[in-house]
Amino acid sequence: MARESREGLLSLWILLLSFGSGYVNMSAVLKFGQPVSHATGNITSLAQGIFDGQAFLVGRLLSVMVSFVLGATFAGMLFSKRSHDPRKRFGFIPLFGGIGAYLLRDYQGLLYYLSFLMGLQNAMFLDYRGHLVRSTHFTGYMTDIGFELGSYIMGRRHQSWKIVFYFLSILLFIIGGIMSAIFDGLGMQMEVLALLYIFLGVYYIVFRWQHLFPEESDEE
């Protein structure tokens, strides 16, 4: 397979991770009233909870944030070299993430599991055209869009692809949230979440073996 085609399949997977994180975050908001894909809003809510003396809220917010950090810590243990290598087994993270979400779908601990999953996903060392990708929060992407637009206006247009990539990532995050709300109304929200992440895991596993290790795949 041509390099361009492989890059296209890989970039599609990375964009679908943004869709998945949007779905997960909306699921957590609808089920628990709590976002899990980013920390800034939670830190602000924590400050308000401390000021208002809401011990339960403070405890839950701290647990959500610690779960996110633990997920990122686990990613650091798995990918400690901090270098992108397509041969790394990234696919097993969403695969087992989806299985775990299905098994915990009826438990209150699901909130902390989803936060752990988002921390783990966001800390995967993913690279797209030489740039580190974060797939669960988009404040940085909005900043990058503005910066790249400014560069484009000033005539530096050789990296205008970034604008498209960041925009698509944000758009897919939004669509993921909308789809979560739709399936919540149908009573299938967590089942679809589990299937989505299992699909994302299988997608990368198949991509890895078929396109990164064609010789090994042929031998098998």
C-alpha atoms as a PDB file:
ATOM      1  CA  MET A   1       0.000   0.000   0.000  1.00  0.00           C
ATOM      2  CA  ALA A   2       1.263   3.466  -0.877  1.00  0.00           C
ATOM      3  CA  ARG A   3       2.546   5.689   1.885  1.00  0.00           C
ATOM      4  CA  GLU A   4      -0.203   8.256   1.247  1.00  0.00           C
ATOM      5  CA  SER A   5      -2.891   5.617   1.654  1.00  0.00           C
ATOM      6  CA  ARG A   6      -1.381   4.352   4.909  1.00  0.00           C
ATOM      7  CA  GLU A   7      -1.174   7.906   6.220  1.00  0.00           C
ATOM      8  CA  GLY A   8      -4.813   8.447   5.269  1.00  0.00           C
ATOM      9  CA  LEU A   9      -5.957   5.371   7.184  1.00  0.00           C
ATOM     10  CA  LEU A  10      -3.908   6.369  10.215  1.00  0.00           C
ATOM     11  CA  SER A  11      -5.198   9.952  10.190  1.00  0.00           C
ATOM     12  CA  LEU A  12      -8.773   8.631   9.933  1.00  0.00           C
ATOM     13  CA  TRP A  13      -8.195   6.531  13.049  1.00  0.00           C
ATOM     14  CA  ILE A  14      -6.807   9.522  14.935  1.00  0.00           C
ATOM     15  CA  LEU A  15      -9.812  11.629  13.912  1.00  0.00           C
ATOM     16  CA  LEU A  16     -12.179   8.855  15.002  1.00  0.00           C
ATOM     17  CA  LEU A  17     -10.535   8.950  18.425  1.00  0.00           C
ATOM     18  CA  SER A  18     -11.768  12.547  18.668  1.00  0.00           C
ATOM     19  CA  PHE A  19     -15.257  11.333  17.767  1.00  0.00           C
ATOM     20  CA  GLY A  20     -14.942   8.680  20.469  1.00  0.00           C
ATOM     21  CA  SER A  21     -13.833  11.119  23.148  1.00  0.00           C
ATOM     22  CA  GLY A  22     -16.754  13.404  22.282  1.00  0.00           C
ATOM     23  CA  TYR A  23     -19.085  10.435  22.655  1.00  0.00           C
ATOM     24  CA  VAL A  24     -17.527   9.410  25.977  1.00  0.00           C
ATOM     25  CA  ASN A  25     -17.608  12.924  27.396  1.00  0.00           C
ATOM     26  CA  MET A  26     -21.270  13.458  26.530  1.00  0.00           C
ATOM     27  CA  SER A  27     -22.092  10.036  27.976  1.00  0.00           C
ATOM     28  CA  ALA A  28     -20.490  11.032  31.275  1.00  0.00           C
ATOM     29  CA  VAL A  29     -22.289  14.387  31.267  1.00  0.00           C
ATOM     30  CA  LEU A  30     -25.689  12.794  30.611  1.00  0.00           C
ATOM     31  CA  LYS A  31     -25.252   9.922  33.087  1.00  0.00           C
ATOM     32  CA  PHE A  32     -23.404  11.708  35.878  1.00  0.00           C
ATOM     33  CA  GLY A  33     -23.515  15.423  35.078  1.00  0.00           C
ATOM     34  CA  GLN A  34     -19.737  15.372  34.912  1.00  0.00           C
ATOM     35  CA  PRO A  35     -17.321  15.906  31.982  1.00  0.00           C
ATOM     36  CA  VAL A  36     -14.326  13.571  31.859  1.00  0.00           C
ATOM     37  CA  SER A  37     -12.399  14.436  28.699  1.00  0.00           C
ATOM     38  CA  HIS A  38     -10.652  17.541  30.059  1.00  0.00           C
ATOM     39  CA  ALA A  39      -9.723  19.047  33.412  1.00  0.00           C
ATOM     40  CA  THR A  40      -9.983  22.844  33.209  1.00  0.00           C
ATOM     41  CA  GLY A  41     -13.709  23.050  33.927  1.00  0.00           C
ATOM     42  CA  ASN A  42     -13.438  20.428  36.654  1.00  0.00           C
ATOM     43  CA  ILE A  43     -10.664  22.372  38.384  1.00  0.00           C
ATOM     44  CA  THR A  44     -12.853  25.495  38.350  1.00  0.00           C
ATOM     45  CA  SER A  45     -15.789  23.483  39.734  1.00  0.00           C
ATOM     46  CA  LEU A  46     -13.456  22.093  42.397  1.00  0.00           C
ATOM     47  CA  ALA A  47     -12.540  25.598  43.500  1.00  0.00           C
ATOM     48  CA  GLN A  48     -16.215  26.538  43.696  1.00  0.00           C
ATOM     49  CA  GLY A  49     -17.028  23.347  45.589  1.00  0.00           C
ATOM     50  CA  ILE A  50     -14.298  24.040  48.129  1.00  0.00           C
ATOM     51  CA  PHE A  51     -15.536  27.616  48.575  1.00  0.00           C
ATOM     52  CA  ASP A  52     -19.140  26.451  49.018  1.00  0.00           C
ATOM     53  CA  GLY A  53     -18.151  23.625  51.373  1.00  0.00           C
ATOM     54  CA  GLN A  54     -19.663  20.894  49.171  1.00  0.00           C
ATOM     55  CA  ALA A  55     -17.684  17.922  50.432  1.00  0.00           C
ATOM     56  CA  PHE A  56     -19.358  15.333  48.192  1.00  0.00           C
ATOM     57  CA  LEU A  57     -18.798  17.400  45.054  1.00  0.00           C
ATOM     58  CA  VAL A  58     -15.179  18.051  46.000  1.00  0.00           C
ATOM     59  CA  GLY A  59     -14.589  14.351  46.617  1.00  0.00           C
ATOM     60  CA  ARG A  60     -16.137  13.343  43.310  1.00  0.00           C
ATOM     61  CA  LEU A  61     -14.225  15.963  41.332  1.00  0.00           C
ATOM     62  CA  LEU A  62     -10.956  14.943  42.952  1.00  0.00           C
ATOM     63  CA  SER A  63     -11.702  11.296  42.162  1.00  0.00           C
ATOM     64  CA  VAL A  64     -12.448  12.135  38.523  1.00  0.00           C
ATOM     65  CA  MET A  65      -9.241  14.138  38.154  1.00  0.00           C
ATOM     66  CA  VAL A  66      -7.129  11.506  39.900  1.00  0.00           C
ATOM     67  CA  SER A  67      -8.628   8.863  37.600  1.00  0.00           C
ATOM     68  CA  PHE A  68      -7.633  10.944  34.567  1.00  0.00           C
ATOM     69  CA  VAL A  69      -4.082  11.322  35.886  1.00  0.00           C
ATOM     70  CA  LEU A  70      -3.877   7.593  36.621  1.00  0.00           C
ATOM     71  CA  GLY A  71      -4.898   6.868  33.031  1.00  0.00           C
ATOM     72  CA  ALA A  72      -2.161   9.175  31.770  1.00  0.00           C
ATOM     73  CA  THR A  73       0.270   7.539  34.204  1.00  0.00           C
ATOM     74  CA  PHE A  74      -0.552   4.125  32.786  1.00  0.00           C
ATOM     75  CA  ALA A  75       0.040   5.478  29.282  1.00  0.00           C
ATOM     76  CA  GLY A  76       3.411   6.790  30.446  1.00  0.00           C
ATOM     77  CA  MET A  77       4.296   3.304  31.656  1.00  0.00           C
ATOM     78  CA  LEU A  78       3.278   1.788  28.320  1.00  0.00           C
ATOM     79  CA  PHE A  79       4.914   4.419  26.102  1.00  0.00           C
ATOM     80  CA  SER A  80       7.726   5.670  28.329  1.00  0.00           C
ATOM     81  CA  LYS A  81      10.106   6.347  25.420  1.00  0.00           C
ATOM     82  CA  ARG A  82       7.902   9.291  24.353  1.00  0.00           C
ATOM     83  CA  SER A  83       8.511   8.549  20.697  1.00  0.00           C
ATOM     84  CA  HIS A  84       5.904   7.758  18.087  1.00  0.00           C
ATOM     85  CA  ASP A  85       6.200   4.360  16.490  1.00  0.00           C
ATOM     86  CA  PRO A  86       3.234   3.064  14.461  1.00  0.00           C
ATOM     87  CA  ARG A  87       4.247  -0.434  15.500  1.00  0.00           C
ATOM     88  CA  LYS A  88       3.247   0.239  19.083  1.00  0.00           C
ATOM     89  CA  ARG A  89       0.131  -1.622  20.133  1.00  0.00           C
ATOM     90  CA  PHE A  90      -2.137   1.414  20.414  1.00  0.00           C
ATOM     91  CA  GLY A  91      -5.142  -0.641  19.325  1.00  0.00           C
ATOM     92  CA  PHE A  92      -5.381  -2.600  22.555  1.00  0.00           C
ATOM     93  CA  ILE A  93      -6.143   0.554  24.550  1.00  0.00           C
ATOM     94  CA  PRO A  94      -9.517   1.366  22.910  1.00  0.00           C
ATOM     95  CA  LEU A  95     -10.258  -2.367  22.547  1.00  0.00           C
ATOM     96  CA  PHE A  96     -10.020  -3.098  26.262  1.00  0.00           C
ATOM     97  CA  GLY A  97     -11.462   0.338  26.982  1.00  0.00           C
ATOM     98  CA  GLY A  98     -14.643  -0.623  25.154  1.00  0.00           C
ATOM     99  CA  ILE A  99     -14.864  -4.005  26.871  1.00  0.00           C
ATOM    100  CA  GLY A 100     -14.421  -2.385  30.281  1.00  0.00           C
ATOM    101  CA  ALA A 101     -17.061   0.254  29.551  1.00  0.00           C
ATOM    102  CA  TYR A 102     -19.554  -2.467  28.651  1.00  0.00           C
ATOM    103  CA  LEU A 103     -18.852  -4.480  31.802  1.00  0.00           C
ATOM    104  CA  LEU A 104     -19.175  -1.404  34.039  1.00  0.00           C
ATOM    105  CA  ARG A 105     -22.110   0.198  32.226  1.00  0.00           C
ATOM    106  CA  ASP A 106     -24.530  -0.230  35.156  1.00  0.00           C
ATOM    107  CA  TYR A 107     -22.128   0.767  37.953  1.00  0.00           C
ATOM    108  CA  GLN A 108     -21.429   4.175  39.500  1.00  0.00           C
ATOM    109  CA  GLY A 109     -17.728   3.467  39.137  1.00  0.00           C
ATOM    110  CA  LEU A 110     -18.199   3.885  35.385  1.00  0.00           C
ATOM    111  CA  LEU A 111     -17.641   7.640  35.817  1.00  0.00           C
ATOM    112  CA  TYR A 112     -14.124   7.125  37.119  1.00  0.00           C
ATOM    113  CA  TYR A 113     -13.403   4.429  34.570  1.00  0.00           C
ATOM    114  CA  LEU A 114     -14.354   6.764  31.716  1.00  0.00           C
ATOM    115  CA  SER A 115     -12.122   9.472  33.160  1.00  0.00           C
ATOM    116  CA  PHE A 116      -9.279   6.937  33.403  1.00  0.00           C
ATOM    117  CA  LEU A 117      -9.895   5.943  29.782  1.00  0.00           C
ATOM    118  CA  MET A 118      -9.784   9.563  28.624  1.00  0.00           C
ATOM    119  CA  GLY A 119      -6.536  10.190  30.489  1.00  0.00           C
ATOM    120  CA  LEU A 120      -5.057   7.056  28.963  1.00  0.00           C
ATOM    121  CA  GLN A 121      -6.219   7.952  25.450  1.00  0.00           C
ATOM    122  CA  ASN A 122      -5.068  11.554  25.669  1.00  0.00           C
ATOM    123  CA  ALA A 123      -1.586  10.554  26.817  1.00  0.00           C
ATOM    124  CA  MET A 124      -0.953   8.077  24.019  1.00  0.00           C
ATOM    125  CA  PHE A 125       2.036   9.391  22.095  1.00  0.00           C
ATOM    126  CA  LEU A 126       0.259   9.844  18.756  1.00  0.00           C
ATOM    127  CA  ASP A 127       1.963  11.640  15.918  1.00  0.00           C
ATOM    128  CA  TYR A 128       0.411  13.141  12.805  1.00  0.00           C
ATOM    129  CA  ARG A 129       2.862  14.596  10.296  1.00  0.00           C
ATOM    130  CA  GLY A 130       5.413  15.199  13.007  1.00  0.00           C
ATOM    131  CA  HIS A 131       3.031  16.862  15.469  1.00  0.00           C
ATOM    132  CA  LEU A 132       1.890  15.464  18.812  1.00  0.00           C
ATOM    133  CA  VAL A 133      -1.856  14.792  18.856  1.00  0.00           C
ATOM    134  CA  ARG A 134      -4.125  15.041  21.891  1.00  0.00           C
ATOM    135  CA  SER A 135      -7.485  13.463  21.207  1.00  0.00           C
ATOM    136  CA  THR A 136      -9.733  14.300  24.182  1.00  0.00           C
ATOM    137  CA  HIS A 137      -9.573  18.079  24.732  1.00  0.00           C
ATOM    138  CA  PHE A 138      -9.455  20.874  22.212  1.00  0.00           C
ATOM    139  CA  THR A 139      -8.552  24.179  23.828  1.00  0.00           C
ATOM    140  CA  GLY A 140      -5.092  23.785  22.335  1.00  0.00           C
ATOM    141  CA  TYR A 141      -6.563  22.967  18.935  1.00  0.00           C
ATOM    142  CA  MET A 142      -8.668  26.136  18.954  1.00  0.00           C
ATOM    143  CA  THR A 143      -5.526  28.102  19.783  1.00  0.00           C
ATOM    144  CA  ASP A 144      -3.654  26.314  17.004  1.00  0.00           C
ATOM    145  CA  ILE A 145      -6.423  27.053  14.487  1.00  0.00           C
ATOM    146  CA  GLY A 146      -6.198  30.740  15.322  1.00  0.00           C
ATOM    147  CA  PHE A 147      -2.412  30.706  15.107  1.00  0.00           C
ATOM    148  CA  GLU A 148      -2.377  28.862  11.778  1.00  0.00           C
ATOM    149  CA  LEU A 149      -5.039  31.198  10.369  1.00  0.00           C
ATOM    150  CA  GLY A 150      -2.842  34.127  11.321  1.00  0.00           C
ATOM    151  CA  SER A 151       0.158  32.470   9.679  1.00  0.00           C
ATOM    152  CA  TYR A 152      -1.929  31.765   6.571  1.00  0.00           C
ATOM    153  CA  ILE A 153      -3.003  35.394   6.347  1.00  0.00           C
ATOM    154  CA  MET A 154       0.635  36.430   6.582  1.00  0.00           C
ATOM    155  CA  GLY A 155       1.526  34.178   3.657  1.00  0.00           C
ATOM    156  CA  ARG A 156       2.929  31.122   5.455  1.00  0.00           C
ATOM    157  CA  ARG A 157       0.673  28.544   3.843  1.00  0.00           C
ATOM    158  CA  HIS A 158       2.840  25.424   3.711  1.00  0.00           C
ATOM    159  CA  GLN A 159       1.192  24.028   6.859  1.00  0.00           C
ATOM    160  CA  SER A 160      -2.385  25.060   6.146  1.00  0.00           C
ATOM    161  CA  TRP A 161      -3.356  21.362   6.417  1.00  0.00           C
ATOM    162  CA  LYS A 162      -3.237  21.847  10.187  1.00  0.00           C
ATOM    163  CA  ILE A 163      -6.297  24.093  10.027  1.00  0.00           C
ATOM    164  CA  VAL A 164      -8.288  21.343   8.312  1.00  0.00           C
ATOM    165  CA  PHE A 165      -7.051  18.644  10.690  1.00  0.00           C
ATOM    166  CA  TYR A 166      -7.782  20.631  13.853  1.00  0.00           C
ATOM    167  CA  PHE A 167     -11.176  21.725  12.538  1.00  0.00           C
ATOM    168  CA  LEU A 168     -12.146  18.150  11.664  1.00  0.00           C
ATOM    169  CA  SER A 169     -11.028  16.958  15.105  1.00  0.00           C
ATOM    170  CA  ILE A 170     -13.241  19.517  16.844  1.00  0.00           C
ATOM    171  CA  LEU A 171     -16.153  18.818  14.488  1.00  0.00           C
ATOM    172  CA  LEU A 172     -15.952  15.076  15.114  1.00  0.00           C
ATOM    173  CA  PHE A 173     -15.820  15.659  18.873  1.00  0.00           C
ATOM    174  CA  ILE A 174     -19.071  17.619  18.567  1.00  0.00           C
ATOM    175  CA  ILE A 175     -20.684  14.967  16.361  1.00  0.00           C
ATOM    176  CA  GLY A 176     -19.607  12.297  18.838  1.00  0.00           C
ATOM    177  CA  GLY A 177     -21.412  14.163  21.594  1.00  0.00           C
ATOM    178  CA  ILE A 178     -24.546  14.500  19.480  1.00  0.00           C
ATOM    179  CA  MET A 179     -24.535  10.785  18.689  1.00  0.00           C
ATOM    180  CA  SER A 180     -24.164   9.959  22.380  1.00  0.00           C
ATOM    181  CA  ALA A 181     -27.250  12.034  23.161  1.00  0.00           C
ATOM    182  CA  ILE A 182     -29.187  10.322  20.366  1.00  0.00           C
ATOM    183  CA  PHE A 183     -28.327   6.826  21.545  1.00  0.00           C
ATOM    184  CA  ASP A 184     -29.024   7.819  25.145  1.00  0.00           C
ATOM    185  CA  GLY A 185     -32.568   8.603  24.058  1.00  0.00           C
ATOM    186  CA  LEU A 186     -32.750   5.162  22.447  1.00  0.00           C
ATOM    187  CA  GLY A 187     -31.493   3.449  25.600  1.00  0.00           C
ATOM    188  CA  MET A 188     -28.346   2.179  23.853  1.00  0.00           C
ATOM    189  CA  GLN A 189     -25.760   4.765  24.845  1.00  0.00           C
ATOM    190  CA  MET A 190     -23.222   2.599  26.673  1.00  0.00           C
ATOM    191  CA  GLU A 191     -23.621  -0.376  24.374  1.00  0.00           C
ATOM    192  CA  VAL A 192     -22.782   1.818  21.378  1.00  0.00           C
ATOM    193  CA  LEU A 193     -19.860   3.369  23.285  1.00  0.00           C
ATOM    194  CA  ALA A 194     -18.458  -0.088  23.942  1.00  0.00           C
ATOM    195  CA  LEU A 195     -18.874  -1.140  20.307  1.00  0.00           C
ATOM    196  CA  LEU A 196     -17.311   2.119  19.104  1.00  0.00           C
ATOM    197  CA  TYR A 197     -14.166   1.640  21.153  1.00  0.00           C
ATOM    198  CA  ILE A 198     -13.909  -2.044  20.335  1.00  0.00           C
ATOM    199  CA  PHE A 199     -14.126  -1.051  16.660  1.00  0.00           C
ATOM    200  CA  LEU A 200     -11.395   1.580  17.134  1.00  0.00           C
ATOM    201  CA  GLY A 201      -9.193  -1.040  18.735  1.00  0.00           C
ATOM    202  CA  VAL A 202      -9.757  -3.650  16.048  1.00  0.00           C
ATOM    203  CA  TYR A 203      -9.289  -1.002  13.325  1.00  0.00           C
ATOM    204  CA  TYR A 204      -5.789  -0.170  14.521  1.00  0.00           C
ATOM    205  CA  ILE A 205      -4.814  -3.781  15.201  1.00  0.00           C
ATOM    206  CA  VAL A 206      -5.805  -4.791  11.661  1.00  0.00           C
ATOM    207  CA  PHE A 207      -4.163  -1.676  10.205  1.00  0.00           C
ATOM    208  CA  ARG A 208      -0.979  -2.387  12.117  1.00  0.00           C
ATOM    209  CA  TRP A 209      -0.641  -5.951  10.916  1.00  0.00           C
ATOM    210  CA  GLN A 210      -1.873  -5.521   7.362  1.00  0.00           C
ATOM    211  CA  HIS A 211      -0.115  -2.271   6.502  1.00  0.00           C
ATOM    212  CA  LEU A 212       2.855  -1.948   8.846  1.00  0.00           C
ATOM    213  CA  PHE A 213       3.863  -5.607   8.809  1.00  0.00           C
ATOM    214  CA  PRO A 214       2.717  -6.917   5.411  1.00  0.00           C
ATOM    215  CA  GLU A 215       5.357  -9.638   5.331  1.00  0.00           C
ATOM    216  CA  GLU A 216       4.384 -11.000   8.733  1.00  0.00           C
ATOM    217  CA  SER A 217       0.698 -10.899   7.782  1.00  0.00           C
ATOM    218  CA  ASP A 218       1.403 -12.874   4.607  1.00  0.00           C
ATOM    219  CA  GLU A 219       3.304 -15.499   6.555  1.00  0.00           C
ATOM    220  CA  GLU A 220       0.394 -15.937   8.935  1.00  0.00           C
END
